[in-house]
Amino acid sequence: MVDICFYCNCLTCICKLLQPDWTSGNKYIDKFIKEAQLKVNVNLDEIIIEWIPFNGLRNIKYLAHGGFSTIYKAIWLDGYIISSDKRHRDPLNYEDHKIAKEKDVKSPLNKNEKKGVHVALKSLKNSSNISDDFINELKNHLQCMNSNVSSAVRIFGITQDPETSNYMIVMELINGGNLRSNLLIKKYNPFEKYYNLACIAYVLLKLHRCNIIHGDFHSGNILIHYSYSPCYISDFGLSRPVNQTINSNEIYGVIPYMAPEVLRGKSYTKAADIYSFGIIMWEFTSGIPAFSNRPHDFNLSLDICKGLRPEIVKSTLPVYASLMKRCWDSNPNKRPTAEELHQITAFWCDYFPKCYENKRNKIPSNEQITKNHPLSCYTSRKIDYSAKINEILSQEELSNKIVIDEEKEIINDITSLSKNL
């Protein structure tokens, strides 16, 4: 292994650590990686994106799946490059070699392999022909990662599964799972709730300052880290098919978190991200995902557009409920900005004593575990109800207008009649 030249710390020397004569087999990916490497600031400890050979991954194990991807965890033997240092690798332990013996593990770790980095692999479905539009979304994520959005999940590179030909994004493994799987813990620990909310609001503020809209903001895309920053945000616009050109008329998302104007076919905006934040606020108070008791279908979408929101939990503080309702206001212009959310949630943190992990309040034994409706769906998918929703709402608006006009005529007639008496 060749170390970086510490005399000059130049990009030319750093690139000696990279795979020679590589190609992903896709011109868009090749261009993305090469451009990303050339833009690295060697003085800021930025991660260098690279093409990662699949045969350098070990202990590949399934974690979860979404609408357009499947998530695995693995060990990357080579480790990542930080521009001001050499490759970073950690010592592997007994547990890593124990996992290698499990039946559902692909490419098990060998006994003589002692170092590596634990990573997450996001396998992109039907990605053998990845689109240039999707690469642009990756660039957005990279922009956040190498800017001051420190809570963006780090991307190390891209690889390809030889069995499926699907491309995989190699990312930082966040050890606490997503927020959705931790909601009950947050419900009964006020400091964690407000501290995490403040963290989420801060990251959202940084995104919006970079003029980036998340576009798929929900508790499944907020990851919990037990050791470093309390939460990380993932999937900046990456929750859509990767082999399609982005059509501005197509909508993707998770219905309970989608703003009514988006469900009606309008584009995602910063205000739509704020709406999603409001739904996440409600989940912190309830301990369960929003609208988990009903199908996530056309009827729910229509009801949301008519003003339906989750029922506010009785124990919710009035000031908290007030901000939450402002976030999910039907009028995007009445929602707070990310700047205001950050200021308010940071202020709230001062009212609750810090509680460390080993001193958390326990979830009560009588806490009811709510099962999601079998037709609920908390993964991103294509939503194509907007035309039908707009047709129904337009008819209702017209009917209401006719009724109002008729009432005005009656009032005018009564007024005229009274004057003549």
Foldseek 3Di string as FASTA:
>chain_A
DQWADLVVLDLVRQCVLADPPDDQLAPLQVVLLVVQSVPDDLVQQAWRAHEAEPLQWAFWAWDAAFDFWTKTKIWRLQATQGSPTGHDKDFDDPVQQVSLPDPRTPRHDDPPRTITAIWMKIWGPPPLQFDNQLSVLVVLLSVCVPDPLVQAWAWNYKYADPVRRTIITITHDAPAAFQQVVLLLLQQFPLLVLLVLLNVLVSLVVCVVVVADQQADARNQWGAHQPDPGIHGYRRVNQDHRNDDDDLQWHKYAQLLAALVVLLRHGDDSLSNLLSSLQRLQSNNVVHHWPQADARALVSSLVVNVPDHGDRDPPDDPVSVVLSCQSRPNDSVSHDGSVVSNVVSVVVSVVHDDDHPVRGDDRDPPDDDDHGDPNHHHHMDIRDNNVVSCVVVVVVVVVVVVVVVVVVVVVVVVVVVVVVD
